[in-house]
Amino acid sequence: MFAVTLPVLVVAHVAGFYWALRRYSEGATGDLVTDAPDWQSPVGFLTGAAAYAVLWLVLALVCRRDGRAQVREQPAAPRPVLDRSS
């Protein structure tokens, strides 16, 4: 379940951020994708969205690695020693 939920959350976060950034740049009725928005942050419209996507991708990979590290196989029980002295 974790393998499905995490990518869905990352895509939702990045899409929401892009949508909010697009609305600030172009307005509610502006183009969906644009190279020359009416307003840009100092970082840039597409650069900011790409940096946010990379940040979330790295965070998701770290979370996934940590989630896998916690699920470890239990060591096998030691085999009983047979007493052959008798």
N, C-alpha and C. Protein backbone atom coordinates (compact mmCIF):
# COMPACT_ATOMS: atom_id res chain seq x y z
N MET A 1 0.82 -1.19 0.00
CA MET A 1 0.00 0.00 0.00
C MET A 1 0.87 1.25 0.00
N PHE A 2 1.98 1.22 0.73
CA PHE A 2 2.88 2.36 0.81
C PHE A 2 3.47 2.67 -0.56
N ALA A 3 3.70 1.64 -1.36
CA ALA A 3 4.29 1.82 -2.68
C ALA A 3 3.33 2.53 -3.64
N VAL A 4 2.04 2.47 -3.39
CA VAL A 4 1.05 3.14 -4.24
C VAL A 4 0.72 4.52 -3.70
N THR A 5 0.60 4.65 -2.40
CA THR A 5 0.18 5.90 -1.78
C THR A 5 1.21 7.00 -1.96
N LEU A 6 2.47 6.69 -1.77
CA LEU A 6 3.51 7.70 -1.84
C LEU A 6 3.60 8.37 -3.22
N PRO A 7 3.66 7.63 -4.32
CA PRO A 7 3.69 8.31 -5.62
C PRO A 7 2.44 9.14 -5.90
N VAL A 8 1.29 8.67 -5.46
CA VAL A 8 0.05 9.43 -5.67
C VAL A 8 0.12 10.75 -4.91
N LEU A 9 0.61 10.73 -3.66
CA LEU A 9 0.74 11.96 -2.89
C LEU A 9 1.75 12.92 -3.50
N VAL A 10 2.84 12.40 -4.01
CA VAL A 10 3.86 13.25 -4.64
C VAL A 10 3.29 13.92 -5.88
N VAL A 11 2.61 13.17 -6.72
CA VAL A 11 2.01 13.74 -7.93
C VAL A 11 0.96 14.78 -7.55
N ALA A 12 0.15 14.51 -6.54
CA ALA A 12 -0.88 15.46 -6.11
C ALA A 12 -0.25 16.75 -5.58
N HIS A 13 0.81 16.65 -4.80
CA HIS A 13 1.49 17.84 -4.28
C HIS A 13 2.07 18.68 -5.41
N VAL A 14 2.77 18.04 -6.32
CA VAL A 14 3.40 18.77 -7.42
C VAL A 14 2.34 19.38 -8.33
N ALA A 15 1.27 18.66 -8.63
CA ALA A 15 0.21 19.20 -9.47
C ALA A 15 -0.48 20.38 -8.79
N GLY A 16 -0.72 20.28 -7.50
CA GLY A 16 -1.32 21.39 -6.76
C GLY A 16 -0.43 22.62 -6.73
N PHE A 17 0.86 22.41 -6.54
CA PHE A 17 1.80 23.53 -6.54
C PHE A 17 1.86 24.18 -7.92
N TYR A 18 1.93 23.36 -8.96
CA TYR A 18 1.97 23.90 -10.32
C TYR A 18 0.70 24.69 -10.62
N TRP A 19 -0.45 24.16 -10.20
CA TRP A 19 -1.71 24.83 -10.47
C TRP A 19 -1.78 26.18 -9.75
N ALA A 20 -1.35 26.23 -8.51
CA ALA A 20 -1.34 27.49 -7.75
C ALA A 20 -0.36 28.49 -8.37
N LEU A 21 0.81 28.01 -8.76
CA LEU A 21 1.80 28.88 -9.38
C LEU A 21 1.31 29.40 -10.73
N ARG A 22 0.64 28.57 -11.49
CA ARG A 22 0.08 28.98 -12.77
C ARG A 22 -1.00 30.04 -12.59
N ARG A 23 -1.82 29.87 -11.55
CA ARG A 23 -2.88 30.86 -11.30
C ARG A 23 -2.30 32.21 -10.91
N TYR A 24 -1.22 32.18 -10.11
CA TYR A 24 -0.57 33.46 -9.77
C TYR A 24 0.09 34.07 -11.00
N SER A 25 0.62 33.26 -11.87
CA SER A 25 1.35 33.76 -13.04
C SER A 25 0.43 34.23 -14.16
N GLU A 26 -0.60 33.46 -14.45
CA GLU A 26 -1.45 33.72 -15.61
C GLU A 26 -2.87 34.15 -15.25
N GLY A 27 -3.30 33.88 -14.04
CA GLY A 27 -4.68 34.15 -13.68
C GLY A 27 -5.54 32.92 -13.93
N ALA A 28 -6.78 32.98 -13.52
CA ALA A 28 -7.67 31.83 -13.61
C ALA A 28 -7.99 31.43 -15.04
N THR A 29 -7.96 32.39 -15.96
CA THR A 29 -8.32 32.08 -17.34
C THR A 29 -7.11 32.05 -18.27
N GLY A 30 -5.90 32.03 -17.72
CA GLY A 30 -4.69 32.04 -18.54
C GLY A 30 -4.38 30.68 -19.14
N ASP A 31 -3.31 30.65 -19.90
CA ASP A 31 -2.87 29.41 -20.53
C ASP A 31 -2.43 28.39 -19.48
N LEU A 32 -2.61 27.11 -19.82
CA LEU A 32 -2.20 26.05 -18.90
C LEU A 32 -0.68 25.93 -18.83
N VAL A 33 -0.02 26.03 -19.99
CA VAL A 33 1.44 26.01 -20.06
C VAL A 33 1.87 27.25 -20.83
N THR A 34 2.80 28.00 -20.26
CA THR A 34 3.25 29.22 -20.91
C THR A 34 4.75 29.42 -20.71
N ASP A 35 5.37 30.05 -21.68
CA ASP A 35 6.79 30.39 -21.56
C ASP A 35 6.99 31.82 -21.08
N ALA A 36 6.00 32.66 -21.24
CA ALA A 36 6.11 34.07 -20.86
C ALA A 36 4.90 34.47 -20.02
N PRO A 37 4.89 34.14 -18.75
CA PRO A 37 3.75 34.50 -17.91
C PRO A 37 3.72 36.00 -17.60
N ASP A 38 2.55 36.47 -17.17
CA ASP A 38 2.40 37.89 -16.82
C ASP A 38 3.22 38.24 -15.59
N TRP A 39 3.36 37.31 -14.66
CA TRP A 39 4.13 37.52 -13.43
C TRP A 39 5.03 36.31 -13.23
N GLN A 40 6.23 36.54 -12.69
CA GLN A 40 7.14 35.44 -12.37
C GLN A 40 7.77 35.71 -11.03
N SER A 41 8.05 34.66 -10.32
CA SER A 41 8.82 34.79 -9.09
C SER A 41 10.28 35.04 -9.47
N PRO A 42 11.12 35.44 -8.53
CA PRO A 42 12.53 35.65 -8.86
C PRO A 42 13.22 34.38 -9.36
N VAL A 43 12.74 33.23 -8.95
CA VAL A 43 13.33 31.96 -9.38
C VAL A 43 12.90 31.62 -10.80
N GLY A 44 11.71 31.98 -11.15
CA GLY A 44 11.17 31.64 -12.46
C GLY A 44 9.99 30.69 -12.30
N PHE A 45 9.07 30.75 -13.23
CA PHE A 45 7.84 29.98 -13.15
C PHE A 45 8.09 28.48 -13.28
N LEU A 46 8.66 28.08 -14.39
CA LEU A 46 8.89 26.65 -14.62
C LEU A 46 10.05 26.12 -13.78
N THR A 47 11.06 26.96 -13.52
CA THR A 47 12.18 26.53 -12.68
C THR A 47 11.70 26.24 -11.26
N GLY A 48 10.83 27.07 -10.74
CA GLY A 48 10.29 26.85 -9.40
C GLY A 48 9.47 25.57 -9.32
N ALA A 49 8.65 25.32 -10.33
CA ALA A 49 7.84 24.10 -10.36
C ALA A 49 8.73 22.86 -10.48
N ALA A 50 9.77 22.95 -11.31
CA ALA A 50 10.69 21.82 -11.47
C ALA A 50 11.48 21.56 -10.19
N ALA A 51 11.92 22.62 -9.52
CA ALA A 51 12.66 22.46 -8.26
C ALA A 51 11.76 21.83 -7.19
N TYR A 52 10.50 22.24 -7.14
CA TYR A 52 9.56 21.67 -6.19
C TYR A 52 9.33 20.18 -6.47
N ALA A 53 9.23 19.82 -7.75
CA ALA A 53 9.05 18.41 -8.13
C ALA A 53 10.26 17.58 -7.73
N VAL A 54 11.46 18.11 -7.95
CA VAL A 54 12.68 17.38 -7.58
C VAL A 54 12.76 17.23 -6.06
N LEU A 55 12.40 18.28 -5.33
CA LEU A 55 12.40 18.21 -3.87
C LEU A 55 11.48 17.10 -3.37
N TRP A 56 10.28 17.02 -3.91
CA TRP A 56 9.34 15.99 -3.49
C TRP A 56 9.79 14.59 -3.92
N LEU A 57 10.43 14.49 -5.07
CA LEU A 57 10.94 13.20 -5.51
C LEU A 57 12.02 12.69 -4.57
N VAL A 58 12.94 13.56 -4.19
CA VAL A 58 13.99 13.17 -3.24
C VAL A 58 13.39 12.79 -1.90
N LEU A 59 12.44 13.58 -1.43
CA LEU A 59 11.79 13.27 -0.15
C LEU A 59 11.07 11.92 -0.21
N ALA A 60 10.40 11.63 -1.32
CA ALA A 60 9.70 10.36 -1.46
C ALA A 60 10.68 9.19 -1.49
N LEU A 61 11.81 9.36 -2.16
CA LEU A 61 12.80 8.28 -2.19
C LEU A 61 13.39 8.03 -0.81
N VAL A 62 13.63 9.08 -0.05
CA VAL A 62 14.15 8.91 1.32
C VAL A 62 13.11 8.21 2.19
N CYS A 63 11.86 8.62 2.08
CA CYS A 63 10.80 7.97 2.87
C CYS A 63 10.64 6.51 2.49
N ARG A 64 10.72 6.23 1.21
CA ARG A 64 10.57 4.85 0.77
C ARG A 64 11.72 3.99 1.26
N ARG A 65 12.93 4.53 1.22
CA ARG A 65 14.09 3.78 1.71
C ARG A 65 13.98 3.53 3.21
N ASP A 66 13.56 4.55 3.95
CA ASP A 66 13.41 4.37 5.40
C ASP A 66 12.30 3.38 5.72
N GLY A 67 11.24 3.38 4.93
CA GLY A 67 10.15 2.43 5.14
C GLY A 67 10.58 1.00 4.90
N ARG A 68 11.44 0.81 3.91
CA ARG A 68 11.95 -0.53 3.64
C ARG A 68 12.94 -0.98 4.69
N ALA A 69 13.70 -0.05 5.24
CA ALA A 69 14.72 -0.41 6.23
C ALA A 69 14.08 -0.93 7.52
N GLN A 70 12.88 -0.48 7.82
CA GLN A 70 12.22 -0.90 9.05
C GLN A 70 11.65 -2.31 8.94
N VAL A 71 11.36 -2.75 7.74
CA VAL A 71 10.79 -4.07 7.54
C VAL A 71 11.94 -5.02 7.22
N ARG A 72 12.47 -5.63 8.23
CA ARG A 72 13.58 -6.56 8.04
C ARG A 72 13.12 -7.96 8.41
N GLU A 73 13.72 -8.90 7.75
CA GLU A 73 13.38 -10.28 8.06
C GLU A 73 13.99 -10.66 9.42
N GLN A 74 13.25 -11.45 10.14
CA GLN A 74 13.75 -11.92 11.42
C GLN A 74 14.79 -13.00 11.15
N PRO A 75 15.86 -13.00 11.93
CA PRO A 75 16.87 -14.03 11.72
C PRO A 75 16.27 -15.41 12.01
N ALA A 76 16.77 -16.37 11.30
CA ALA A 76 16.27 -17.73 11.48
C ALA A 76 16.63 -18.22 12.89
N ALA A 77 15.74 -19.00 13.45
CA ALA A 77 15.99 -19.55 14.79
C ALA A 77 17.17 -20.52 14.72
N PRO A 78 18.00 -20.52 15.75
CA PRO A 78 19.14 -21.45 15.71
C PRO A 78 18.65 -22.89 15.71
N ARG A 79 19.37 -23.71 14.98
CA ARG A 79 19.00 -25.12 14.92
C ARG A 79 19.43 -25.81 16.20
N PRO A 80 18.62 -26.73 16.69
CA PRO A 80 18.98 -27.42 17.94
C PRO A 80 20.22 -28.31 17.73
N VAL A 81 21.05 -28.34 18.75
CA VAL A 81 22.24 -29.17 18.70
C VAL A 81 21.89 -30.55 19.20
N LEU A 82 22.21 -31.58 18.42
CA LEU A 82 21.93 -32.96 18.81
C LEU A 82 23.04 -33.47 19.70
N ASP A 83 22.66 -34.06 20.79
CA ASP A 83 23.64 -34.63 21.72
C ASP A 83 23.93 -36.05 21.28
N ARG A 84 25.13 -36.31 20.77
CA ARG A 84 25.49 -37.63 20.26
C ARG A 84 26.41 -38.37 21.22
N SER A 85 26.56 -37.88 22.41
CA SER A 85 27.46 -38.54 23.37
C SER A 85 26.86 -39.82 23.95
N SER A 86 25.56 -40.01 23.88
CA SER A 86 24.95 -41.19 24.47
C SER A 86 24.92 -42.37 23.55
